[in-house]
Amino acid sequence: AELVQGPQNGNASVAVPGKAFSREPQAALNIVVQSAVTGDSLAQVRLLPSDTVEDLYRAVSAAVAPDAGACRLLCAGQLLEPKKEITLEEVGFTDGQVVDVVRCG
C-alpha cells in the first residue's frame, strides 16, 4: 500500500489496485512497531482501516528489515496472520495501535 496525499484537501488515501474506496476519506492509522523481545520502538507505519493485515506485513517488513525474510507480528499477544481478506478495521485496529515484531529474518 502506498500513502498518497490528496492535492485538493490533503486527505490521505492508499492506492491499492483492485480496491474500491468510498468517497468519504478515511483517517490514516499510525501503527507503532516494536520489538517483542526488547520492547524497543522500531518504526511507525501509516495505513488506512481498509488496508489488510497483509498490507501491514508488507509495510512493517519494508520499514524494519527490507532485506530480511518473513516477519511475524503480534497484536495484543495474538499472532496476526497475513491475510488479504481481513482489514485492519475488522481486526479492531485504532490509531496508535502497537504491534510486536517477533521475528524478521
Protein backbone atom coordinates (compact mmCIF):
# COMPACT_ATOMS: atom_id res chain seq x y z
CA ALA A 1 0.00 0.00 0.00
CA GLU A 2 1.24 3.46 -0.80
CA LEU A 3 0.31 6.52 1.23
CA VAL A 4 -0.65 9.38 -1.07
CA GLN A 5 -1.62 12.94 -0.10
CA GLY A 6 -4.62 14.27 -1.98
CA PRO A 7 -3.83 17.51 -3.87
CA GLN A 8 -7.05 19.37 -3.07
CA ASN A 9 -7.69 18.69 0.59
CA GLY A 10 -4.59 16.93 1.92
CA ASN A 11 -6.53 13.81 2.90
CA ALA A 12 -4.51 10.63 2.92
CA SER A 13 -5.55 7.66 0.84
CA VAL A 14 -3.93 4.43 -0.18
CA ALA A 15 -3.61 3.43 -3.80
CA VAL A 16 -4.25 -0.30 -3.97
CA PRO A 17 -5.14 -1.78 -7.36
CA GLY A 18 -8.48 -3.58 -7.42
CA LYS A 19 -9.87 -1.97 -4.25
CA ALA A 20 -12.94 0.21 -4.26
CA PHE A 21 -12.94 3.11 -1.83
CA SER A 22 -15.86 5.15 -0.58
CA ARG A 23 -15.85 8.87 -1.27
CA GLU A 24 -15.54 9.57 2.47
CA PRO A 25 -11.84 9.99 3.33
CA GLN A 26 -10.56 7.62 5.98
CA ALA A 27 -8.21 8.78 8.68
CA ALA A 28 -4.86 7.01 8.47
CA LEU A 29 -3.90 4.83 11.42
CA ASN A 30 -0.49 5.42 12.99
CA ILE A 31 0.77 1.97 13.97
CA VAL A 32 3.76 1.65 16.29
CA VAL A 33 6.07 -1.28 15.55
CA GLN A 34 8.17 -2.55 18.44
CA SER A 35 10.41 -5.49 19.24
CA ALA A 36 8.56 -8.25 21.09
CA VAL A 37 11.83 -9.17 22.84
CA THR A 38 13.15 -5.79 23.99
CA GLY A 39 10.08 -3.53 23.69
CA ASP A 40 12.20 -1.04 21.72
CA SER A 41 10.33 1.05 19.16
CA LEU A 42 11.46 0.04 15.66
CA ALA A 43 9.24 2.07 13.34
CA GLN A 44 5.90 3.69 12.80
CA VAL A 45 3.76 2.94 9.74
CA ARG A 46 0.62 4.65 8.48
CA LEU A 47 -2.17 2.64 6.89
CA LEU A 48 -5.90 3.02 6.40
CA PRO A 49 -8.52 0.99 8.29
CA SER A 50 -9.50 -0.55 4.92
CA ASP A 51 -5.96 -1.88 4.35
CA THR A 52 -5.44 -5.55 5.05
CA VAL A 53 -3.27 -7.39 7.54
CA GLU A 54 -1.20 -8.45 4.53
CA ASP A 55 -0.64 -4.74 3.73
CA LEU A 56 0.52 -4.26 7.33
CA TYR A 57 3.03 -7.11 6.98
CA ARG A 58 4.43 -5.54 3.80
CA ALA A 59 4.72 -2.08 5.40
CA VAL A 60 6.42 -3.44 8.53
CA SER A 61 8.84 -5.58 6.52
CA ALA A 62 9.78 -2.57 4.37
CA ALA A 63 10.27 -0.31 7.39
CA VAL A 64 12.07 -2.73 9.72
CA ALA A 65 14.05 -5.16 7.58
CA PRO A 66 13.58 -4.82 3.81
CA ASP A 67 16.21 -7.46 3.04
CA ALA A 68 15.14 -9.91 5.75
CA GLY A 69 12.83 -12.88 5.44
CA ALA A 70 9.31 -13.13 6.73
CA CYS A 71 8.26 -11.20 9.82
CA ARG A 72 5.83 -12.44 12.45
CA LEU A 73 3.58 -9.84 14.04
CA LEU A 74 1.66 -9.93 17.31
CA CYS A 75 -1.16 -7.65 18.37
CA ALA A 76 -2.35 -7.86 21.99
CA GLY A 77 -0.48 -11.15 22.34
CA GLN A 78 -2.18 -12.77 19.33
CA LEU A 79 -0.39 -13.77 16.13
CA LEU A 80 -1.64 -11.78 13.14
CA GLU A 81 -1.97 -13.98 10.07
CA PRO A 82 -1.05 -12.10 6.85
CA LYS A 83 -4.38 -12.46 5.06
CA LYS A 84 -5.61 -10.39 2.13
CA GLU A 85 -9.27 -10.55 3.02
CA ILE A 86 -9.08 -9.25 6.62
CA THR A 87 -8.88 -5.48 7.08
CA LEU A 88 -7.25 -3.64 9.96
CA GLU A 89 -10.68 -2.29 10.86
CA GLU A 90 -12.06 -5.84 11.13
CA VAL A 91 -9.17 -6.79 13.44
CA GLY A 92 -10.02 -3.78 15.62
CA PHE A 93 -7.01 -1.58 14.95
CA THR A 94 -7.16 2.00 16.21
CA ASP A 95 -4.85 4.97 15.81
CA GLY A 96 -1.72 4.44 17.93
CA GLN A 97 -2.05 0.64 17.83
CA VAL A 98 1.10 -1.23 18.84
CA VAL A 99 2.27 -4.37 17.04
CA ASP A 100 5.18 -6.50 18.18
CA VAL A 101 7.69 -7.96 15.73
CA VAL A 102 8.61 -11.48 16.84
CA ARG A 103 10.99 -12.29 14.03
CA CYS A 104 12.27 -10.73 10.84
CA GLY A 105 14.82 -12.80 9.03
